[in-house]
Amino acid sequence: MQFSRRVGKVSNINVLRCDDLSASCVVSLRNKVNRLMSRRHLNVVIDLLSAKKMDAAGIGILVEKLLRLRAQKGDIKLCRIRPEVSRMMERVGVGTLFETFQTKEEALESFREI
């Protein structure tokens, strides 16, 4: 998993790029989001362009972090989702929980509308 902090026009939004959302990688995602939350960085964009697979553990962590961030008035938005990942999310019934965007810029811009 790669992590980058977005600074500039849309401040306090963090961008995480996930290469894999399976059991072997979700611990890293959970730890990164936990660190962000502890610093009150509550708006996160997850770029899923490189993620080719997702399993139940990955979905569980995403949903858990989404609910925790929303409880603190934050959010997770997903961008550049591959069709196979999108289908998996729809199959397990979590596709409508997340706002999704075609580009990272659209996801970042959506936080300005809040």
PDB file of N, CA and C in Angstrom:
ATOM      1  N   MET A   1       0.843  -1.165   0.000  1.00  0.00           N
ATOM      2  CA  MET A   1       0.000   0.000   0.000  1.00  0.00           C
ATOM      3  C   MET A   1       0.884   1.221   0.000  1.00  0.00           C
ATOM      4  N   GLN A   2       0.526   2.179  -0.795  1.00  0.00           N
ATOM      5  CA  GLN A   2       1.245   3.435  -0.826  1.00  0.00           C
ATOM      6  C   GLN A   2       0.377   4.507  -0.207  1.00  0.00           C
ATOM      7  N   PHE A   3       1.014   5.505   0.357  1.00  0.00           N
ATOM      8  CA  PHE A   3       0.298   6.553   1.057  1.00  0.00           C
ATOM      9  C   PHE A   3       0.858   7.900   0.641  1.00  0.00           C
ATOM     10  N   SER A   4      -0.017   8.831   0.366  1.00  0.00           N
ATOM     11  CA  SER A   4       0.450  10.186   0.118  1.00  0.00           C
ATOM     12  C   SER A   4      -0.509  11.168   0.752  1.00  0.00           C
ATOM     13  N   ARG A   5       0.019  12.230   1.251  1.00  0.00           N
ATOM     14  CA  ARG A   5      -0.812  13.262   1.890  1.00  0.00           C
ATOM     15  C   ARG A   5      -1.045  14.379   0.891  1.00  0.00           C
ATOM     16  N   ARG A   6      -2.281  14.728   0.716  1.00  0.00           N
ATOM     17  CA  ARG A   6      -2.663  15.795  -0.216  1.00  0.00           C
ATOM     18  C   ARG A   6      -2.580  17.123   0.532  1.00  0.00           C
ATOM     19  N   VAL A   7      -1.789  18.024   0.022  1.00  0.00           N
ATOM     20  CA  VAL A   7      -1.683  19.344   0.607  1.00  0.00           C
ATOM     21  C   VAL A   7      -1.903  20.349  -0.508  1.00  0.00           C
ATOM     22  N   GLY A   8      -2.574  21.431  -0.226  1.00  0.00           N
ATOM     23  CA  GLY A   8      -2.751  22.451  -1.238  1.00  0.00           C
ATOM     24  C   GLY A   8      -4.178  22.936  -1.285  1.00  0.00           C
ATOM     25  N   LYS A   9      -4.721  22.973  -2.486  1.00  0.00           N
ATOM     26  CA  LYS A   9      -6.037  23.569  -2.725  1.00  0.00           C
ATOM     27  C   LYS A   9      -7.122  22.960  -1.843  1.00  0.00           C
ATOM     28  N   VAL A  10      -7.130  21.665  -1.714  1.00  0.00           N
ATOM     29  CA  VAL A  10      -8.101  20.989  -0.851  1.00  0.00           C
ATOM     30  C   VAL A  10      -7.297  20.412   0.318  1.00  0.00           C
ATOM     31  N   SER A  11      -7.274  21.164   1.408  1.00  0.00           N
ATOM     32  CA  SER A  11      -6.405  20.769   2.510  1.00  0.00           C
ATOM     33  C   SER A  11      -7.075  19.743   3.420  1.00  0.00           C
ATOM     34  N   ASN A  12      -6.235  19.074   4.180  1.00  0.00           N
ATOM     35  CA  ASN A  12      -6.653  18.094   5.177  1.00  0.00           C
ATOM     36  C   ASN A  12      -7.392  16.899   4.585  1.00  0.00           C
ATOM     37  N   ILE A  13      -7.110  16.603   3.334  1.00  0.00           N
ATOM     38  CA  ILE A  13      -7.634  15.392   2.698  1.00  0.00           C
ATOM     39  C   ILE A  13      -6.439  14.503   2.398  1.00  0.00           C
ATOM     40  N   ASN A  14      -6.532  13.269   2.818  1.00  0.00           N
ATOM     41  CA  ASN A  14      -5.440  12.328   2.624  1.00  0.00           C
ATOM     42  C   ASN A  14      -5.809  11.340   1.542  1.00  0.00           C
ATOM     43  N   VAL A  15      -4.844  11.038   0.700  1.00  0.00           N
ATOM     44  CA  VAL A  15      -5.047  10.093  -0.393  1.00  0.00           C
ATOM     45  C   VAL A  15      -4.216   8.848  -0.119  1.00  0.00           C
ATOM     46  N   LEU A  16      -4.887   7.711  -0.084  1.00  0.00           N
ATOM     47  CA  LEU A  16      -4.214   6.422   0.052  1.00  0.00           C
ATOM     48  C   LEU A  16      -4.358   5.684  -1.265  1.00  0.00           C
ATOM     49  N   ARG A  17      -3.281   5.161  -1.764  1.00  0.00           N
ATOM     50  CA  ARG A  17      -3.351   4.342  -2.967  1.00  0.00           C
ATOM     51  C   ARG A  17      -3.134   2.898  -2.561  1.00  0.00           C
ATOM     52  N   CYS A  18      -4.131   2.070  -2.844  1.00  0.00           N
ATOM     53  CA  CYS A  18      -4.087   0.664  -2.440  1.00  0.00           C
ATOM     54  C   CYS A  18      -3.803  -0.211  -3.643  1.00  0.00           C
ATOM     55  N   ASP A  19      -2.788  -1.029  -3.522  1.00  0.00           N
ATOM     56  CA  ASP A  19      -2.443  -1.961  -4.586  1.00  0.00           C
ATOM     57  C   ASP A  19      -3.176  -3.284  -4.435  1.00  0.00           C
ATOM     58  N   ASP A  20      -3.705  -3.538  -3.256  1.00  0.00           N
ATOM     59  CA  ASP A  20      -4.363  -4.811  -2.992  1.00  0.00           C
ATOM     60  C   ASP A  20      -5.251  -4.646  -1.757  1.00  0.00           C
ATOM     61  N   LEU A  21      -6.456  -5.133  -1.818  1.00  0.00           N
ATOM     62  CA  LEU A  21      -7.360  -5.071  -0.670  1.00  0.00           C
ATOM     63  C   LEU A  21      -7.752  -6.474  -0.230  1.00  0.00           C
ATOM     64  N   SER A  22      -6.758  -7.322  -0.103  1.00  0.00           N
ATOM     65  CA  SER A  22      -7.002  -8.669   0.393  1.00  0.00           C
ATOM     66  C   SER A  22      -6.453  -8.772   1.817  1.00  0.00           C
ATOM     67  N   ALA A  23      -6.697  -9.898   2.442  1.00  0.00           N
ATOM     68  CA  ALA A  23      -6.339 -10.093   3.848  1.00  0.00           C
ATOM     69  C   ALA A  23      -4.887  -9.751   4.143  1.00  0.00           C
ATOM     70  N   SER A  24      -3.986 -10.020   3.210  1.00  0.00           N
ATOM     71  CA  SER A  24      -2.565  -9.788   3.462  1.00  0.00           C
ATOM     72  C   SER A  24      -2.209  -8.309   3.539  1.00  0.00           C
ATOM     73  N   CYS A  25      -3.041  -7.425   3.017  1.00  0.00           N
ATOM     74  CA  CYS A  25      -2.704  -5.995   2.960  1.00  0.00           C
ATOM     75  C   CYS A  25      -3.601  -5.087   3.785  1.00  0.00           C
ATOM     76  N   VAL A  26      -4.742  -5.584   4.243  1.00  0.00           N
ATOM     77  CA  VAL A  26      -5.690  -4.692   4.911  1.00  0.00           C
ATOM     78  C   VAL A  26      -5.209  -4.205   6.272  1.00  0.00           C
ATOM     79  N   VAL A  27      -4.310  -4.928   6.905  1.00  0.00           N
ATOM     80  CA  VAL A  27      -3.787  -4.467   8.186  1.00  0.00           C
ATOM     81  C   VAL A  27      -3.071  -3.135   7.998  1.00  0.00           C
ATOM     82  N   SER A  28      -2.329  -2.999   6.928  1.00  0.00           N
ATOM     83  CA  SER A  28      -1.648  -1.745   6.624  1.00  0.00           C
ATOM     84  C   SER A  28      -2.649  -0.612   6.417  1.00  0.00           C
ATOM     85  N   LEU A  29      -3.730  -0.880   5.692  1.00  0.00           N
ATOM     86  CA  LEU A  29      -4.773   0.121   5.477  1.00  0.00           C
ATOM     87  C   LEU A  29      -5.390   0.551   6.806  1.00  0.00           C
ATOM     88  N   ARG A  30      -5.742  -0.418   7.623  1.00  0.00           N
ATOM     89  CA  ARG A  30      -6.350  -0.112   8.927  1.00  0.00           C
ATOM     90  C   ARG A  30      -5.410   0.744   9.775  1.00  0.00           C
ATOM     91  N   ASN A  31      -4.131   0.381   9.813  1.00  0.00           N
ATOM     92  CA  ASN A  31      -3.167   1.134  10.611  1.00  0.00           C
ATOM     93  C   ASN A  31      -2.996   2.561  10.098  1.00  0.00           C
ATOM     94  N   LYS A  32      -2.949   2.731   8.797  1.00  0.00           N
ATOM     95  CA  LYS A  32      -2.791   4.073   8.229  1.00  0.00           C
ATOM     96  C   LYS A  32      -4.000   4.954   8.532  1.00  0.00           C
ATOM     97  N   VAL A  33      -5.187   4.402   8.361  1.00  0.00           N
ATOM     98  CA  VAL A  33      -6.396   5.189   8.653  1.00  0.00           C
ATOM     99  C   VAL A  33      -6.481   5.487  10.153  1.00  0.00           C
ATOM    100  N   ASN A  34      -6.103   4.540  10.994  1.00  0.00           N
ATOM    101  CA  ASN A  34      -6.102   4.788  12.440  1.00  0.00           C
ATOM    102  C   ASN A  34      -5.161   5.939  12.804  1.00  0.00           C
ATOM    103  N   ARG A  35      -3.975   5.962  12.185  1.00  0.00           N
ATOM    104  CA  ARG A  35      -3.030   7.049  12.453  1.00  0.00           C
ATOM    105  C   ARG A  35      -3.603   8.391  12.002  1.00  0.00           C
ATOM    106  N   LEU A  36      -4.237   8.394  10.839  1.00  0.00           N
ATOM    107  CA  LEU A  36      -4.847   9.630  10.350  1.00  0.00           C
ATOM    108  C   LEU A  36      -5.933  10.109  11.315  1.00  0.00           C
ATOM    109  N   MET A  37      -6.761   9.179  11.753  1.00  0.00           N
ATOM    110  CA  MET A  37      -7.850   9.540  12.664  1.00  0.00           C
ATOM    111  C   MET A  37      -7.307  10.074  13.987  1.00  0.00           C
ATOM    112  N   SER A  38      -6.228   9.514  14.468  1.00  0.00           N
ATOM    113  CA  SER A  38      -5.664   9.982  15.738  1.00  0.00           C
ATOM    114  C   SER A  38      -5.144  11.406  15.626  1.00  0.00           C
ATOM    115  N   ARG A  39      -4.829  11.834  14.407  1.00  0.00           N
ATOM    116  CA  ARG A  39      -4.380  13.213  14.169  1.00  0.00           C
ATOM    117  C   ARG A  39      -5.515  14.113  13.694  1.00  0.00           C
ATOM    118  N   ARG A  40      -6.752  13.596  13.749  1.00  0.00           N
ATOM    119  CA  ARG A  40      -7.952  14.325  13.322  1.00  0.00           C
ATOM    120  C   ARG A  40      -7.967  14.639  11.836  1.00  0.00           C
ATOM    121  N   HIS A  41      -7.328  13.802  11.040  1.00  0.00           N
ATOM    122  CA  HIS A  41      -7.400  13.881   9.589  1.00  0.00           C
ATOM    123  C   HIS A  41      -8.516  12.912   9.187  1.00  0.00           C
ATOM    124  N   LEU A  42      -9.712  13.456   9.005  1.00  0.00           N
ATOM    125  CA  LEU A  42     -10.902  12.618   8.908  1.00  0.00           C
ATOM    126  C   LEU A  42     -11.455  12.461   7.501  1.00  0.00           C
ATOM    127  N   ASN A  43     -10.836  13.068   6.513  1.00  0.00           N
ATOM    128  CA  ASN A  43     -11.297  12.932   5.131  1.00  0.00           C
ATOM    129  C   ASN A  43     -10.250  12.184   4.324  1.00  0.00           C
ATOM    130  N   VAL A  44     -10.664  11.062   3.763  1.00  0.00           N
ATOM    131  CA  VAL A  44      -9.735  10.159   3.086  1.00  0.00           C
ATOM    132  C   VAL A  44     -10.289   9.788   1.711  1.00  0.00           C
ATOM    133  N   VAL A  45      -9.409   9.848   0.716  1.00  0.00           N
ATOM    134  CA  VAL A  45      -9.703   9.317  -0.614  1.00  0.00           C
ATOM    135  C   VAL A  45      -8.846   8.071  -0.776  1.00  0.00           C
ATOM    136  N   ILE A  46      -9.465   6.981  -1.186  1.00  0.00           N
ATOM    137  CA  ILE A  46      -8.711   5.753  -1.461  1.00  0.00           C
ATOM    138  C   ILE A  46      -8.749   5.514  -2.959  1.00  0.00           C
ATOM    139  N   ASP A  47      -7.565   5.547  -3.550  1.00  0.00           N
ATOM    140  CA  ASP A  47      -7.390   5.333  -4.985  1.00  0.00           C
ATOM    141  C   ASP A  47      -7.176   3.840  -5.219  1.00  0.00           C
ATOM    142  N   LEU A  48      -8.111   3.228  -5.918  1.00  0.00           N
ATOM    143  CA  LEU A  48      -8.094   1.771  -6.101  1.00  0.00           C
ATOM    144  C   LEU A  48      -7.690   1.337  -7.514  1.00  0.00           C
ATOM    145  N   LEU A  49      -7.055   2.216  -8.262  1.00  0.00           N
ATOM    146  CA  LEU A  49      -6.684   1.876  -9.639  1.00  0.00           C
ATOM    147  C   LEU A  49      -5.848   0.603  -9.717  1.00  0.00           C
ATOM    148  N   SER A  50      -4.918   0.434  -8.808  1.00  0.00           N
ATOM    149  CA  SER A  50      -4.016  -0.729  -8.859  1.00  0.00           C
ATOM    150  C   SER A  50      -4.571  -1.962  -8.166  1.00  0.00           C
ATOM    151  N   ALA A  51      -5.671  -1.804  -7.439  1.00  0.00           N
ATOM    152  CA  ALA A  51      -6.237  -2.937  -6.695  1.00  0.00           C
ATOM    153  C   ALA A  51      -6.978  -3.857  -7.655  1.00  0.00           C
ATOM    154  N   LYS A  52      -6.461  -5.054  -7.826  1.00  0.00           N
ATOM    155  CA  LYS A  52      -7.064  -6.023  -8.746  1.00  0.00           C
ATOM    156  C   LYS A  52      -7.965  -7.015  -8.037  1.00  0.00           C
ATOM    157  N   LYS A  53      -7.841  -7.067  -6.713  1.00  0.00           N
ATOM    158  CA  LYS A  53      -8.682  -8.014  -5.979  1.00  0.00           C
ATOM    159  C   LYS A  53      -9.046  -7.440  -4.627  1.00  0.00           C
ATOM    160  N   MET A  54     -10.136  -7.945  -4.118  1.00  0.00           N
ATOM    161  CA  MET A  54     -10.633  -7.543  -2.804  1.00  0.00           C
ATOM    162  C   MET A  54     -11.302  -8.762  -2.197  1.00  0.00           C
ATOM    163  N   ASP A  55     -11.083  -8.975  -0.928  1.00  0.00           N
ATOM    164  CA  ASP A  55     -11.758 -10.086  -0.275  1.00  0.00           C
ATOM    165  C   ASP A  55     -12.569  -9.571   0.906  1.00  0.00           C
ATOM    166  N   ALA A  56     -13.177 -10.484   1.643  1.00  0.00           N
ATOM    167  CA  ALA A  56     -14.058 -10.098   2.741  1.00  0.00           C
ATOM    168  C   ALA A  56     -13.324  -9.270   3.790  1.00  0.00           C
ATOM    169  N   ALA A  57     -12.070  -9.594   4.055  1.00  0.00           N
ATOM    170  CA  ALA A  57     -11.300  -8.821   5.036  1.00  0.00           C
ATOM    171  C   ALA A  57     -11.124  -7.384   4.560  1.00  0.00           C
ATOM    172  N   GLY A  58     -10.824  -7.200   3.292  1.00  0.00           N
ATOM    173  CA  GLY A  58     -10.669  -5.855   2.734  1.00  0.00           C
ATOM    174  C   GLY A  58     -11.951  -5.057   2.804  1.00  0.00           C
ATOM    175  N   ILE A  59     -13.045  -5.683   2.461  1.00  0.00           N
ATOM    176  CA  ILE A  59     -14.344  -5.009   2.520  1.00  0.00           C
ATOM    177  C   ILE A  59     -14.689  -4.662   3.966  1.00  0.00           C
ATOM    178  N   GLY A  60     -14.433  -5.595   4.866  1.00  0.00           N
ATOM    179  CA  GLY A  60     -14.724  -5.351   6.279  1.00  0.00           C
ATOM    180  C   GLY A  60     -13.962  -4.165   6.830  1.00  0.00           C
ATOM    181  N   ILE A  61     -12.690  -4.061   6.514  1.00  0.00           N
ATOM    182  CA  ILE A  61     -11.879  -2.932   6.990  1.00  0.00           C
ATOM    183  C   ILE A  61     -12.381  -1.630   6.393  1.00  0.00           C
ATOM    184  N   LEU A  62     -12.686  -1.620   5.101  1.00  0.00           N
ATOM    185  CA  LEU A  62     -13.204  -0.396   4.469  1.00  0.00           C
ATOM    186  C   LEU A  62     -14.494   0.069   5.144  1.00  0.00           C
ATOM    187  N   VAL A  63     -15.404  -0.855   5.368  1.00  0.00           N
ATOM    188  CA  VAL A  63     -16.687  -0.500   5.992  1.00  0.00           C
ATOM    189  C   VAL A  63     -16.470  -0.032   7.430  1.00  0.00           C
ATOM    190  N   GLU A  64     -15.637  -0.740   8.168  1.00  0.00           N
ATOM    191  CA  GLU A  64     -15.351  -0.345   9.560  1.00  0.00           C
ATOM    192  C   GLU A  64     -14.790   1.078   9.612  1.00  0.00           C
ATOM    193  N   LYS A  65     -13.812   1.373   8.776  1.00  0.00           N
ATOM    194  CA  LYS A  65     -13.197   2.702   8.789  1.00  0.00           C
ATOM    195  C   LYS A  65     -14.172   3.764   8.299  1.00  0.00           C
ATOM    196  N   LEU A  66     -14.991   3.435   7.320  1.00  0.00           N
ATOM    197  CA  LEU A  66     -16.002   4.378   6.835  1.00  0.00           C
ATOM    198  C   LEU A  66     -16.946   4.769   7.978  1.00  0.00           C
ATOM    199  N   LEU A  67     -17.448   3.788   8.699  1.00  0.00           N
ATOM    200  CA  LEU A  67     -18.386   4.058   9.786  1.00  0.00           C
ATOM    201  C   LEU A  67     -17.737   4.855  10.914  1.00  0.00           C
ATOM    202  N   ARG A  68     -16.497   4.532  11.239  1.00  0.00           N
ATOM    203  CA  ARG A  68     -15.795   5.277  12.298  1.00  0.00           C
ATOM    204  C   ARG A  68     -15.525   6.710  11.886  1.00  0.00           C
ATOM    205  N   LEU A  69     -15.125   6.914  10.625  1.00  0.00           N
ATOM    206  CA  LEU A  69     -14.879   8.280  10.157  1.00  0.00           C
ATOM    207  C   LEU A  69     -16.170   9.090  10.105  1.00  0.00           C
ATOM    208  N   ARG A  70     -17.234   8.488   9.615  1.00  0.00           N
ATOM    209  CA  ARG A  70     -18.505   9.221   9.548  1.00  0.00           C
ATOM    210  C   ARG A  70     -19.026   9.570  10.941  1.00  0.00           C
ATOM    211  N   ALA A  71     -18.776   8.714  11.913  1.00  0.00           N
ATOM    212  CA  ALA A  71     -19.189   9.012  13.282  1.00  0.00           C
ATOM    213  C   ALA A  71     -18.456  10.236  13.828  1.00  0.00           C
ATOM    214  N   GLN A  72     -17.298  10.531  13.259  1.00  0.00           N
ATOM    215  CA  GLN A  72     -16.513  11.696  13.671  1.00  0.00           C
ATOM    216  C   GLN A  72     -16.626  12.833  12.656  1.00  0.00           C
ATOM    217  N   LYS A  73     -17.644  12.765  11.802  1.00  0.00           N
ATOM    218  CA  LYS A  73     -17.918  13.797  10.784  1.00  0.00           C
ATOM    219  C   LYS A  73     -16.894  13.810   9.653  1.00  0.00           C
ATOM    220  N   GLY A  74     -16.263  12.676   9.397  1.00  0.00           N
ATOM    221  CA  GLY A  74     -15.345  12.526   8.275  1.00  0.00           C
ATOM    222  C   GLY A  74     -15.951  11.618   7.226  1.00  0.00           C
ATOM    223  N   ASP A  75     -15.128  11.191   6.263  1.00  0.00           N
ATOM    224  CA  ASP A  75     -15.640  10.311   5.212  1.00  0.00           C
ATOM    225  C   ASP A  75     -14.496   9.643   4.472  1.00  0.00           C
ATOM    226  N   ILE A  76     -14.826   8.545   3.820  1.00  0.00           N
ATOM    227  CA  ILE A  76     -13.938   7.881   2.863  1.00  0.00           C
ATOM    228  C   ILE A  76     -14.636   7.923   1.521  1.00  0.00           C
ATOM    229  N   LYS A  77     -13.899   8.331   0.506  1.00  0.00           N
ATOM    230  CA  LYS A  77     -14.420   8.307  -0.858  1.00  0.00           C
ATOM    231  C   LYS A  77     -13.453   7.483  -1.695  1.00  0.00           C
ATOM    232  N   LEU A  78     -14.005   6.697  -2.594  1.00  0.00           N
ATOM    233  CA  LEU A  78     -13.205   5.798  -3.424  1.00  0.00           C
ATOM    234  C   LEU A  78     -13.111   6.347  -4.837  1.00  0.00           C
ATOM    235  N   CYS A  79     -11.963   6.136  -5.459  1.00  0.00           N
ATOM    236  CA  CYS A  79     -11.822   6.564  -6.846  1.00  0.00           C
ATOM    237  C   CYS A  79     -11.072   5.519  -7.662  1.00  0.00           C
ATOM    238  N   ARG A  80     -11.284   5.603  -8.965  1.00  0.00           N
ATOM    239  CA  ARG A  80     -10.626   4.771  -9.982  1.00  0.00           C
ATOM    240  C   ARG A  80     -10.733   3.270  -9.663  1.00  0.00           C
ATOM    241  N   ILE A  81     -11.950   2.845  -9.400  1.00  0.00           N
ATOM    242  CA  ILE A  81     -12.195   1.455  -9.015  1.00  0.00           C
ATOM    243  C   ILE A  81     -12.252   0.570 -10.254  1.00  0.00           C
ATOM    244  N   ARG A  82     -11.516  -0.492 -10.226  1.00  0.00           N
ATOM    245  CA  ARG A  82     -11.527  -1.450 -11.323  1.00  0.00           C
ATOM    246  C   ARG A  82     -12.870  -2.197 -11.319  1.00  0.00           C
ATOM    247  N   PRO A  83     -13.346  -2.599 -12.487  1.00  0.00           N
ATOM    248  CA  PRO A  83     -14.653  -3.274 -12.570  1.00  0.00           C
ATOM    249  C   PRO A  83     -14.761  -4.511 -11.687  1.00  0.00           C
ATOM    250  N   GLU A  84     -13.712  -5.299 -11.596  1.00  0.00           N
ATOM    251  CA  GLU A  84     -13.787  -6.525 -10.793  1.00  0.00           C
ATOM    252  C   GLU A  84     -13.936  -6.212  -9.300  1.00  0.00           C
ATOM    253  N   VAL A  85     -13.320  -5.143  -8.841  1.00  0.00           N
ATOM    254  CA  VAL A  85     -13.462  -4.731  -7.442  1.00  0.00           C
ATOM    255  C   VAL A  85     -14.864  -4.164  -7.211  1.00  0.00           C
ATOM    256  N   SER A  86     -15.334  -3.371  -8.145  1.00  0.00           N
ATOM    257  CA  SER A  86     -16.679  -2.812  -8.053  1.00  0.00           C
ATOM    258  C   SER A  86     -17.737  -3.917  -8.005  1.00  0.00           C
ATOM    259  N   ARG A  87     -17.575  -4.935  -8.838  1.00  0.00           N
ATOM    260  CA  ARG A  87     -18.520  -6.068  -8.845  1.00  0.00           C
ATOM    261  C   ARG A  87     -18.519  -6.788  -7.508  1.00  0.00           C
ATOM    262  N   MET A  88     -17.335  -6.979  -6.932  1.00  0.00           N
ATOM    263  CA  MET A  88     -17.230  -7.660  -5.635  1.00  0.00           C
ATOM    264  C   MET A  88     -17.958  -6.855  -4.557  1.00  0.00           C
ATOM    265  N   MET A  89     -17.788  -5.547  -4.570  1.00  0.00           N
ATOM    266  CA  MET A  89     -18.464  -4.702  -3.583  1.00  0.00           C
ATOM    267  C   MET A  89     -19.980  -4.762  -3.758  1.00  0.00           C
ATOM    268  N   GLU A  90     -20.441  -4.766  -4.985  1.00  0.00           N
ATOM    269  CA  GLU A  90     -21.881  -4.865  -5.257  1.00  0.00           C
ATOM    270  C   GLU A  90     -22.426  -6.223  -4.805  1.00  0.00           C
ATOM    271  N   ARG A  91     -21.661  -7.283  -5.078  1.00  0.00           N
ATOM    272  CA  ARG A  91     -22.097  -8.641  -4.718  1.00  0.00           C
ATOM    273  C   ARG A  91     -22.336  -8.792  -3.227  1.00  0.00           C
ATOM    274  N   VAL A  92     -21.489  -8.161  -2.421  1.00  0.00           N
ATOM    275  CA  VAL A  92     -21.642  -8.320  -0.971  1.00  0.00           C
ATOM    276  C   VAL A  92     -22.497  -7.213  -0.356  1.00  0.00           C
ATOM    277  N   GLY A  93     -23.017  -6.325  -1.186  1.00  0.00           N
ATOM    278  CA  GLY A  93     -23.982  -5.337  -0.721  1.00  0.00           C
ATOM    279  C   GLY A  93     -23.421  -4.074  -0.112  1.00  0.00           C
ATOM    280  N   VAL A  94     -22.160  -3.740  -0.389  1.00  0.00           N
ATOM    281  CA  VAL A  94     -21.589  -2.516   0.177  1.00  0.00           C
ATOM    282  C   VAL A  94     -21.301  -1.453  -0.885  1.00  0.00           C
ATOM    283  N   GLY A  95     -21.657  -1.728  -2.097  1.00  0.00           N
ATOM    284  CA  GLY A  95     -21.363  -0.799  -3.185  1.00  0.00           C
ATOM    285  C   GLY A  95     -21.986   0.572  -3.009  1.00  0.00           C
ATOM    286  N   THR A  96     -23.154   0.626  -2.388  1.00  0.00           N
ATOM    287  CA  THR A  96     -23.842   1.911  -2.238  1.00  0.00           C
ATOM    288  C   THR A  96     -23.434   2.666  -0.965  1.00  0.00           C
ATOM    289  N   LEU A  97     -22.626   2.052  -0.108  1.00  0.00           N
ATOM    290  CA  LEU A  97     -22.174   2.738   1.103  1.00  0.00           C
ATOM    291  C   LEU A  97     -21.174   3.850   0.806  1.00  0.00           C
ATOM    292  N   PHE A  98     -20.404   3.662  -0.243  1.00  0.00           N
ATOM    293  CA  PHE A  98     -19.304   4.568  -0.552  1.00  0.00           C
ATOM    294  C   PHE A  98     -19.636   5.457  -1.739  1.00  0.00           C
ATOM    295  N   GLU A  99     -19.227   6.719  -1.651  1.00  0.00           N
ATOM    296  CA  GLU A  99     -19.259   7.568  -2.837  1.00  0.00           C
ATOM    297  C   GLU A  99     -18.053   7.186  -3.681  1.00  0.00           C
ATOM    298  N   THR A 100     -18.279   6.994  -4.969  1.00  0.00           N
ATOM    299  CA  THR A 100     -17.185   6.606  -5.857  1.00  0.00           C
ATOM    300  C   THR A 100     -17.054   7.631  -6.984  1.00  0.00           C
ATOM    301  N   PHE A 101     -15.829   7.764  -7.480  1.00  0.00           N
ATOM    302  CA  PHE A 101     -15.524   8.750  -8.502  1.00  0.00           C
ATOM    303  C   PHE A 101     -14.581   8.157  -9.539  1.00  0.00           C
ATOM    304  N   GLN A 102     -14.701   8.654 -10.753  1.00  0.00           N
ATOM    305  CA  GLN A 102     -13.855   8.185 -11.846  1.00  0.00           C
ATOM    306  C   GLN A 102     -12.402   8.646 -11.688  1.00  0.00           C
ATOM    307  N   THR A 103     -12.204   9.841 -11.114  1.00  0.00           N
ATOM    308  CA  THR A 103     -10.850  10.379 -10.974  1.00  0.00           C
ATOM    309  C   THR A 103     -10.578  10.785  -9.530  1.00  0.00           C
ATOM    310  N   LYS A 104      -9.317  10.875  -9.208  1.00  0.00           N
ATOM    311  CA  LYS A 104      -8.904  11.334  -7.880  1.00  0.00           C
ATOM    312  C   LYS A 104      -9.310  12.801  -7.685  1.00  0.00           C
ATOM    313  N   GLU A 105      -9.193  13.593  -8.733  1.00  0.00           N
ATOM    314  CA  GLU A 105      -9.553  15.013  -8.642  1.00  0.00           C
ATOM    315  C   GLU A 105     -11.032  15.198  -8.309  1.00  0.00           C
ATOM    316  N   GLU A 106     -11.896  14.385  -8.920  1.00  0.00           N
ATOM    317  CA  GLU A 106     -13.331  14.461  -8.609  1.00  0.00           C
ATOM    318  C   GLU A 106     -13.589  14.103  -7.145  1.00  0.00           C
ATOM    319  N   ALA A 107     -12.902  13.084  -6.658  1.00  0.00           N
ATOM    320  CA  ALA A 107     -13.081  12.683  -5.259  1.00  0.00           C
ATOM    321  C   ALA A 107     -12.619  13.783  -4.319  1.00  0.00           C
ATOM    322  N   LEU A 108     -11.478  14.382  -4.611  1.00  0.00           N
ATOM    323  CA  LEU A 108     -10.977  15.487  -3.787  1.00  0.00           C
ATOM    324  C   LEU A 108     -11.934  16.667  -3.820  1.00  0.00           C
ATOM    325  N   GLU A 109     -12.399  16.998  -4.990  1.00  0.00           N
ATOM    326  CA  GLU A 109     -13.310  18.129  -5.150  1.00  0.00           C
ATOM    327  C   GLU A 109     -14.624  17.894  -4.397  1.00  0.00           C
ATOM    328  N   SER A 110     -15.068  16.663  -4.298  1.00  0.00           N
ATOM    329  CA  SER A 110     -16.328  16.375  -3.625  1.00  0.00           C
ATOM    330  C   SER A 110     -16.295  16.768  -2.148  1.00  0.00           C
ATOM    331  N   PHE A 111     -15.119  16.789  -1.540  1.00  0.00           N
ATOM    332  CA  PHE A 111     -15.025  17.215  -0.152  1.00  0.00           C
ATOM    333  C   PHE A 111     -15.274  18.717  -0.007  1.00  0.00           C
ATOM    334  N   ARG A 112     -15.061  19.468  -1.036  1.00  0.00           N
ATOM    335  CA  ARG A 112     -15.305  20.908  -0.975  1.00  0.00           C
ATOM    336  C   ARG A 112     -16.787  21.219  -0.925  1.00  0.00           C
ATOM    337  N   GLU A 113     -17.611  20.270  -1.365  1.00  0.00           N
ATOM    338  CA  GLU A 113     -19.051  20.474  -1.422  1.00  0.00           C
ATOM    339  C   GLU A 113     -19.716  20.201  -0.082  1.00  0.00           C
ATOM    340  N   ILE A 114     -18.972  19.729   0.857  1.00  0.00           N
ATOM    341  CA  ILE A 114     -19.527  19.381   2.178  1.00  0.00           C
ATOM    342  C   ILE A 114     -19.783  20.644   2.974  1.00  0.00           C
TER     343      ILE A 114
END
